[in-house]
Amino acid sequence: MFYKLLEIARQGFPCLFHLLTGYYCPGCGGTRAVRYLLHGEIWKSIQYHPLVLYIAVAAAVESFRLIADYSKKKTAGYEKRYEMLVWGGVAIILVNWGFKNYMLAVKGIDLLP
């Protein structure tokens, strides 16, 4: 039994929402997207979940901007920029979720094999 659990852990734990409904949850593919991004396979990462690359790029850009702003002693204007980044992420999640479930339900194409 221990070896069966170890095998499941290596493959990744299945999404309970997908197991129960047959449709993808808003986060389905995120773990695989992180794995592919860390291995340098950017297009495959985007295919599994585009939010992962969005977060990586946004975090890198914001880190550099924060360092540059602190060196100039500029501290205003962060709230609006962060709000836009969050709403951009929400839009990516909703579009990705809708598109993958549309392709699965209507076209019969499983985009996350």
C-alpha atoms as a PDB file:
ATOM      1  CA  MET A   1       0.000   0.000   0.000  1.00  0.00           C
ATOM      2  CA  PHE A   2       2.897   2.367   0.788  1.00  0.00           C
ATOM      3  CA  TYR A   3       4.273   1.902  -2.720  1.00  0.00           C
ATOM      4  CA  LYS A   4       0.886   2.766  -4.235  1.00  0.00           C
ATOM      5  CA  LEU A   5       0.790   6.038  -2.258  1.00  0.00           C
ATOM      6  CA  LEU A   6       4.357   6.793  -3.296  1.00  0.00           C
ATOM      7  CA  GLU A   7       3.440   6.241  -6.943  1.00  0.00           C
ATOM      8  CA  ILE A   8       0.441   8.591  -6.638  1.00  0.00           C
ATOM      9  CA  ALA A   9       2.639  11.236  -4.988  1.00  0.00           C
ATOM     10  CA  ARG A  10       5.158  11.024  -7.845  1.00  0.00           C
ATOM     11  CA  GLN A  11       2.467  11.520 -10.469  1.00  0.00           C
ATOM     12  CA  GLY A  12       0.791  14.320  -8.548  1.00  0.00           C
ATOM     13  CA  PHE A  13      -2.423  14.177  -6.630  1.00  0.00           C
ATOM     14  CA  PRO A  14      -5.554  14.206  -8.767  1.00  0.00           C
ATOM     15  CA  CYS A  15      -7.921  17.156  -8.732  1.00  0.00           C
ATOM     16  CA  LEU A  16     -10.975  16.250  -6.644  1.00  0.00           C
ATOM     17  CA  PHE A  17     -13.198  18.690  -8.549  1.00  0.00           C
ATOM     18  CA  HIS A  18     -12.235  17.002 -11.831  1.00  0.00           C
ATOM     19  CA  LEU A  19     -12.734  13.525 -10.369  1.00  0.00           C
ATOM     20  CA  LEU A  20     -16.218  14.399  -9.091  1.00  0.00           C
ATOM     21  CA  THR A  21     -17.550  16.489 -11.996  1.00  0.00           C
ATOM     22  CA  GLY A  22     -15.474  15.518 -15.010  1.00  0.00           C
ATOM     23  CA  TYR A  23     -14.697  19.212 -15.617  1.00  0.00           C
ATOM     24  CA  TYR A  24     -11.620  21.219 -14.788  1.00  0.00           C
ATOM     25  CA  CYS A  25     -11.349  23.449 -11.742  1.00  0.00           C
ATOM     26  CA  PRO A  26      -9.878  26.955 -12.144  1.00  0.00           C
ATOM     27  CA  GLY A  27      -6.483  25.705 -10.933  1.00  0.00           C
ATOM     28  CA  CYS A  28      -6.258  22.461 -12.904  1.00  0.00           C
ATOM     29  CA  GLY A  29      -2.875  22.130 -14.571  1.00  0.00           C
ATOM     30  CA  GLY A  30      -1.148  24.617 -12.287  1.00  0.00           C
ATOM     31  CA  THR A  31       1.265  22.160 -10.700  1.00  0.00           C
ATOM     32  CA  ARG A  32       2.283  20.732 -14.058  1.00  0.00           C
ATOM     33  CA  ALA A  33       2.677  24.270 -15.410  1.00  0.00           C
ATOM     34  CA  VAL A  34       5.112  25.090 -12.583  1.00  0.00           C
ATOM     35  CA  ARG A  35       7.042  21.888 -13.260  1.00  0.00           C
ATOM     36  CA  TYR A  36       7.353  22.644 -16.985  1.00  0.00           C
ATOM     37  CA  LEU A  37       8.308  26.271 -16.348  1.00  0.00           C
ATOM     38  CA  LEU A  38      11.071  25.181 -13.966  1.00  0.00           C
ATOM     39  CA  HIS A  39      12.358  22.825 -16.667  1.00  0.00           C
ATOM     40  CA  GLY A  40      12.360  25.629 -19.236  1.00  0.00           C
ATOM     41  CA  GLU A  41       9.435  24.361 -21.304  1.00  0.00           C
ATOM     42  CA  ILE A  42       7.568  27.661 -21.498  1.00  0.00           C
ATOM     43  CA  TRP A  43       4.981  26.747 -24.152  1.00  0.00           C
ATOM     44  CA  LYS A  44       4.016  23.568 -22.346  1.00  0.00           C
ATOM     45  CA  SER A  45       3.707  25.565 -19.117  1.00  0.00           C
ATOM     46  CA  ILE A  46       1.364  28.017 -20.852  1.00  0.00           C
ATOM     47  CA  GLN A  47      -0.695  25.126 -22.233  1.00  0.00           C
ATOM     48  CA  TYR A  48      -1.267  23.686 -18.766  1.00  0.00           C
ATOM     49  CA  HIS A  49      -1.972  26.996 -17.000  1.00  0.00           C
ATOM     50  CA  PRO A  50      -0.978  30.456 -18.306  1.00  0.00           C
ATOM     51  CA  LEU A  51      -1.315  32.038 -14.856  1.00  0.00           C
ATOM     52  CA  VAL A  52       1.965  30.451 -13.748  1.00  0.00           C
ATOM     53  CA  LEU A  53       4.046  32.312 -16.338  1.00  0.00           C
ATOM     54  CA  TYR A  54       2.045  35.489 -15.692  1.00  0.00           C
ATOM     55  CA  ILE A  55       2.863  35.317 -11.978  1.00  0.00           C
ATOM     56  CA  ALA A  56       6.547  34.597 -12.639  1.00  0.00           C
ATOM     57  CA  VAL A  57       6.912  37.535 -15.041  1.00  0.00           C
ATOM     58  CA  ALA A  58       4.854  39.897 -12.857  1.00  0.00           C
ATOM     59  CA  ALA A  59       6.869  38.982  -9.758  1.00  0.00           C
ATOM     60  CA  ALA A  60      10.167  39.559 -11.560  1.00  0.00           C
ATOM     61  CA  VAL A  61       9.082  42.900 -13.034  1.00  0.00           C
ATOM     62  CA  GLU A  62       7.589  44.106  -9.758  1.00  0.00           C
ATOM     63  CA  SER A  63      10.731  43.106  -7.855  1.00  0.00           C
ATOM     64  CA  PHE A  64      12.899  45.204 -10.148  1.00  0.00           C
ATOM     65  CA  ARG A  65      10.459  48.116  -9.995  1.00  0.00           C
ATOM     66  CA  LEU A  66      10.358  47.937  -6.215  1.00  0.00           C
ATOM     67  CA  ILE A  67      14.161  48.006  -5.979  1.00  0.00           C
ATOM     68  CA  ALA A  68      14.329  50.925  -8.424  1.00  0.00           C
ATOM     69  CA  ASP A  69      11.597  52.847  -6.588  1.00  0.00           C
ATOM     70  CA  TYR A  70      13.197  52.340  -3.181  1.00  0.00           C
ATOM     71  CA  SER A  71      16.538  53.528  -4.504  1.00  0.00           C
ATOM     72  CA  LYS A  72      14.778  56.707  -5.688  1.00  0.00           C
ATOM     73  CA  LYS A  73      12.819  56.915  -2.404  1.00  0.00           C
ATOM     74  CA  LYS A  74       9.554  56.778  -4.319  1.00  0.00           C
ATOM     75  CA  THR A  75       6.773  54.981  -2.417  1.00  0.00           C
ATOM     76  CA  ALA A  76       3.473  56.048  -3.978  1.00  0.00           C
ATOM     77  CA  GLY A  77       1.375  54.349  -6.645  1.00  0.00           C
ATOM     78  CA  TYR A  78       1.743  50.690  -5.725  1.00  0.00           C
ATOM     79  CA  GLU A  79      -1.884  50.035  -4.875  1.00  0.00           C
ATOM     80  CA  LYS A  80      -3.264  50.773  -8.337  1.00  0.00           C
ATOM     81  CA  ARG A  81      -0.565  48.718 -10.065  1.00  0.00           C
ATOM     82  CA  TYR A  82      -1.110  45.736  -7.763  1.00  0.00           C
ATOM     83  CA  GLU A  83      -4.857  45.941  -8.247  1.00  0.00           C
ATOM     84  CA  MET A  84      -4.377  45.808 -12.023  1.00  0.00           C
ATOM     85  CA  LEU A  85      -2.063  42.783 -11.684  1.00  0.00           C
ATOM     86  CA  VAL A  86      -4.600  40.943  -9.531  1.00  0.00           C
ATOM     87  CA  TRP A  87      -7.476  41.647 -11.934  1.00  0.00           C
ATOM     88  CA  GLY A  88      -5.275  40.522 -14.822  1.00  0.00           C
ATOM     89  CA  GLY A  89      -4.661  37.245 -12.984  1.00  0.00           C
ATOM     90  CA  VAL A  90      -8.369  36.784 -12.291  1.00  0.00           C
ATOM     91  CA  ALA A  91      -9.127  37.346 -15.986  1.00  0.00           C
ATOM     92  CA  ILE A  92      -6.518  34.760 -17.002  1.00  0.00           C
ATOM     93  CA  ILE A  93      -7.995  32.217 -14.587  1.00  0.00           C
ATOM     94  CA  LEU A  94     -11.565  32.743 -15.813  1.00  0.00           C
ATOM     95  CA  VAL A  95     -10.699  32.676 -19.522  1.00  0.00           C
ATOM     96  CA  ASN A  96      -8.478  29.609 -19.085  1.00  0.00           C
ATOM     97  CA  TRP A  97     -11.123  27.791 -17.035  1.00  0.00           C
ATOM     98  CA  GLY A  98     -13.919  28.587 -19.469  1.00  0.00           C
ATOM     99  CA  PHE A  99     -11.893  27.694 -22.558  1.00  0.00           C
ATOM    100  CA  LYS A 100     -10.646  24.344 -21.226  1.00  0.00           C
ATOM    101  CA  ASN A 101     -14.120  23.289 -20.062  1.00  0.00           C
ATOM    102  CA  TYR A 102     -15.671  24.473 -23.339  1.00  0.00           C
ATOM    103  CA  MET A 103     -13.172  22.426 -25.326  1.00  0.00           C
ATOM    104  CA  LEU A 104     -13.829  19.402 -23.102  1.00  0.00           C
ATOM    105  CA  ALA A 105     -17.635  19.628 -22.952  1.00  0.00           C
ATOM    106  CA  VAL A 106     -18.516  20.925 -26.411  1.00  0.00           C
ATOM    107  CA  LYS A 107     -15.660  19.833 -28.667  1.00  0.00           C
ATOM    108  CA  GLY A 108     -14.661  16.694 -26.763  1.00  0.00           C
ATOM    109  CA  ILE A 109     -10.995  17.742 -26.705  1.00  0.00           C
ATOM    110  CA  ASP A 110      -9.093  17.145 -23.473  1.00  0.00           C
ATOM    111  CA  LEU A 111      -6.441  19.875 -23.273  1.00  0.00           C
ATOM    112  CA  LEU A 112      -4.887  18.431 -20.100  1.00  0.00           C
ATOM    113  CA  PRO A 113      -4.107  14.822 -20.928  1.00  0.00           C
END
